[in-house]
Amino acid sequence: MHIEVYESEGEALEAAAALAEACLRDGATAQPPGGIAGGRGGRALMLALSGRDGIPWAHARFCVVDEPLEDASNRALLREHLLAPRGVSLPAGEGE
């Protein structure tokens, strides 16, 4: 097991975003799923991912842990801040 320790939450989130980008980019043809946790950490990771251009967004799959909170939901944040700005839409019935 390999454990990395970071000085700040921001550094840890940036490292997580870089790791997610590498995994999603390198496995783009196989559509590897990426997990987005609920709560503050999941939202912070989505914000960190939103600044990355190397992710093949149209081929990425995400598993979102969420509760139905309408516009404040993690699915809505994923759709509005990560996918829609890149011209990617969720399949019908997902993220609604």
Protein backbone atom coordinates (compact mmCIF):
# COMPACT_ATOMS: atom_id res chain seq x y z
CA MET A 1 0.00 0.00 0.00
CA HIS A 2 1.24 3.49 -0.84
CA ILE A 3 0.10 6.45 1.27
CA GLU A 4 0.74 10.08 0.36
CA VAL A 5 0.39 12.90 2.87
CA TYR A 6 -0.26 16.50 1.81
CA GLU A 7 0.19 19.74 3.70
CA SER A 8 -3.23 21.10 2.77
CA GLU A 9 -6.64 20.05 1.53
CA GLY A 10 -5.98 21.96 -1.69
CA GLU A 11 -2.80 20.00 -2.39
CA ALA A 12 -4.58 16.71 -1.69
CA LEU A 13 -7.46 17.64 -4.01
CA GLU A 14 -5.09 18.71 -6.77
CA ALA A 15 -3.21 15.41 -6.45
CA ALA A 16 -6.52 13.49 -6.54
CA ALA A 17 -7.61 15.42 -9.65
CA ALA A 18 -4.27 14.70 -11.35
CA LEU A 19 -4.61 11.00 -10.54
CA ALA A 20 -8.21 10.91 -11.78
CA GLU A 21 -7.19 12.71 -14.97
CA ALA A 22 -4.39 10.23 -15.64
CA CYS A 23 -6.63 7.22 -15.00
CA LEU A 24 -9.49 8.55 -17.14
CA ARG A 25 -7.17 9.68 -19.95
CA ASP A 26 -5.17 6.44 -20.05
CA GLY A 27 -8.28 4.24 -19.94
CA ALA A 28 -10.45 6.35 -22.25
CA THR A 29 -11.22 3.53 -24.64
CA ALA A 30 -12.37 1.20 -21.87
CA GLN A 31 -14.50 3.88 -20.17
CA PRO A 32 -13.20 3.34 -16.63
CA PRO A 33 -15.61 4.58 -14.00
CA GLY A 34 -14.62 7.41 -11.72
CA GLY A 35 -16.26 7.68 -8.33
CA ILE A 36 -17.48 11.03 -7.04
CA ALA A 37 -18.26 10.97 -3.33
CA GLY A 38 -21.09 12.95 -1.84
CA GLY A 39 -20.65 15.97 0.38
CA ARG A 40 -18.01 18.66 0.54
CA GLY A 41 -15.13 16.42 -0.59
CA GLY A 42 -16.91 15.26 -3.72
CA ARG A 43 -17.81 18.79 -4.68
CA ALA A 44 -14.24 19.97 -4.07
CA LEU A 45 -12.92 17.17 -6.29
CA MET A 46 -15.35 18.16 -9.07
CA LEU A 47 -14.06 21.73 -8.86
CA ALA A 48 -10.47 20.46 -9.03
CA LEU A 49 -11.37 18.32 -12.06
CA SER A 50 -13.09 21.23 -13.81
CA GLY A 51 -9.72 22.89 -14.38
CA ARG A 52 -8.24 19.89 -16.18
CA ASP A 53 -8.20 19.70 -19.97
CA GLY A 54 -6.63 16.26 -20.47
CA ILE A 55 -9.70 14.26 -19.53
CA PRO A 56 -11.68 12.67 -22.39
CA TRP A 57 -14.98 13.89 -20.96
CA ALA A 58 -17.18 12.35 -23.66
CA HIS A 59 -15.84 8.89 -22.76
CA ALA A 60 -15.67 9.23 -18.97
CA ARG A 61 -18.08 7.36 -16.70
CA PHE A 62 -18.84 8.59 -13.21
CA CYS A 63 -20.50 6.89 -10.27
CA VAL A 64 -22.05 9.62 -8.14
CA VAL A 65 -23.00 9.14 -4.52
CA ASP A 66 -25.88 11.50 -3.99
CA GLU A 67 -29.10 12.33 -2.30
CA PRO A 68 -31.93 13.93 -4.27
CA LEU A 69 -31.31 17.59 -3.47
CA GLU A 70 -32.49 18.92 -6.83
CA ASP A 71 -30.24 21.72 -8.11
CA ALA A 72 -27.77 21.30 -5.24
CA SER A 73 -27.22 17.62 -5.99
CA ASN A 74 -23.85 16.22 -6.98
CA ARG A 75 -25.35 14.95 -10.24
CA ALA A 76 -26.45 18.50 -11.07
CA LEU A 77 -22.99 19.84 -10.22
CA LEU A 78 -21.35 17.14 -12.36
CA ARG A 79 -23.63 17.97 -15.26
CA GLU A 80 -23.41 21.76 -14.98
CA HIS A 81 -19.75 22.26 -14.06
CA LEU A 82 -17.93 19.36 -15.68
CA LEU A 83 -19.95 17.94 -18.53
CA ALA A 84 -22.14 20.68 -20.03
CA PRO A 85 -19.27 23.20 -20.48
CA ARG A 86 -17.51 20.54 -22.56
CA GLY A 87 -20.54 19.72 -24.70
CA VAL A 88 -21.18 16.38 -22.99
CA SER A 89 -24.66 15.44 -21.85
CA LEU A 90 -25.86 12.72 -19.53
CA PRO A 91 -27.92 9.94 -21.10
CA ALA A 92 -31.69 10.44 -20.84
CA GLY A 93 -32.96 9.80 -17.32
CA GLU A 94 -29.56 10.22 -15.67
CA GLY A 95 -28.66 13.20 -13.54
CA GLU A 96 -32.22 14.47 -13.34
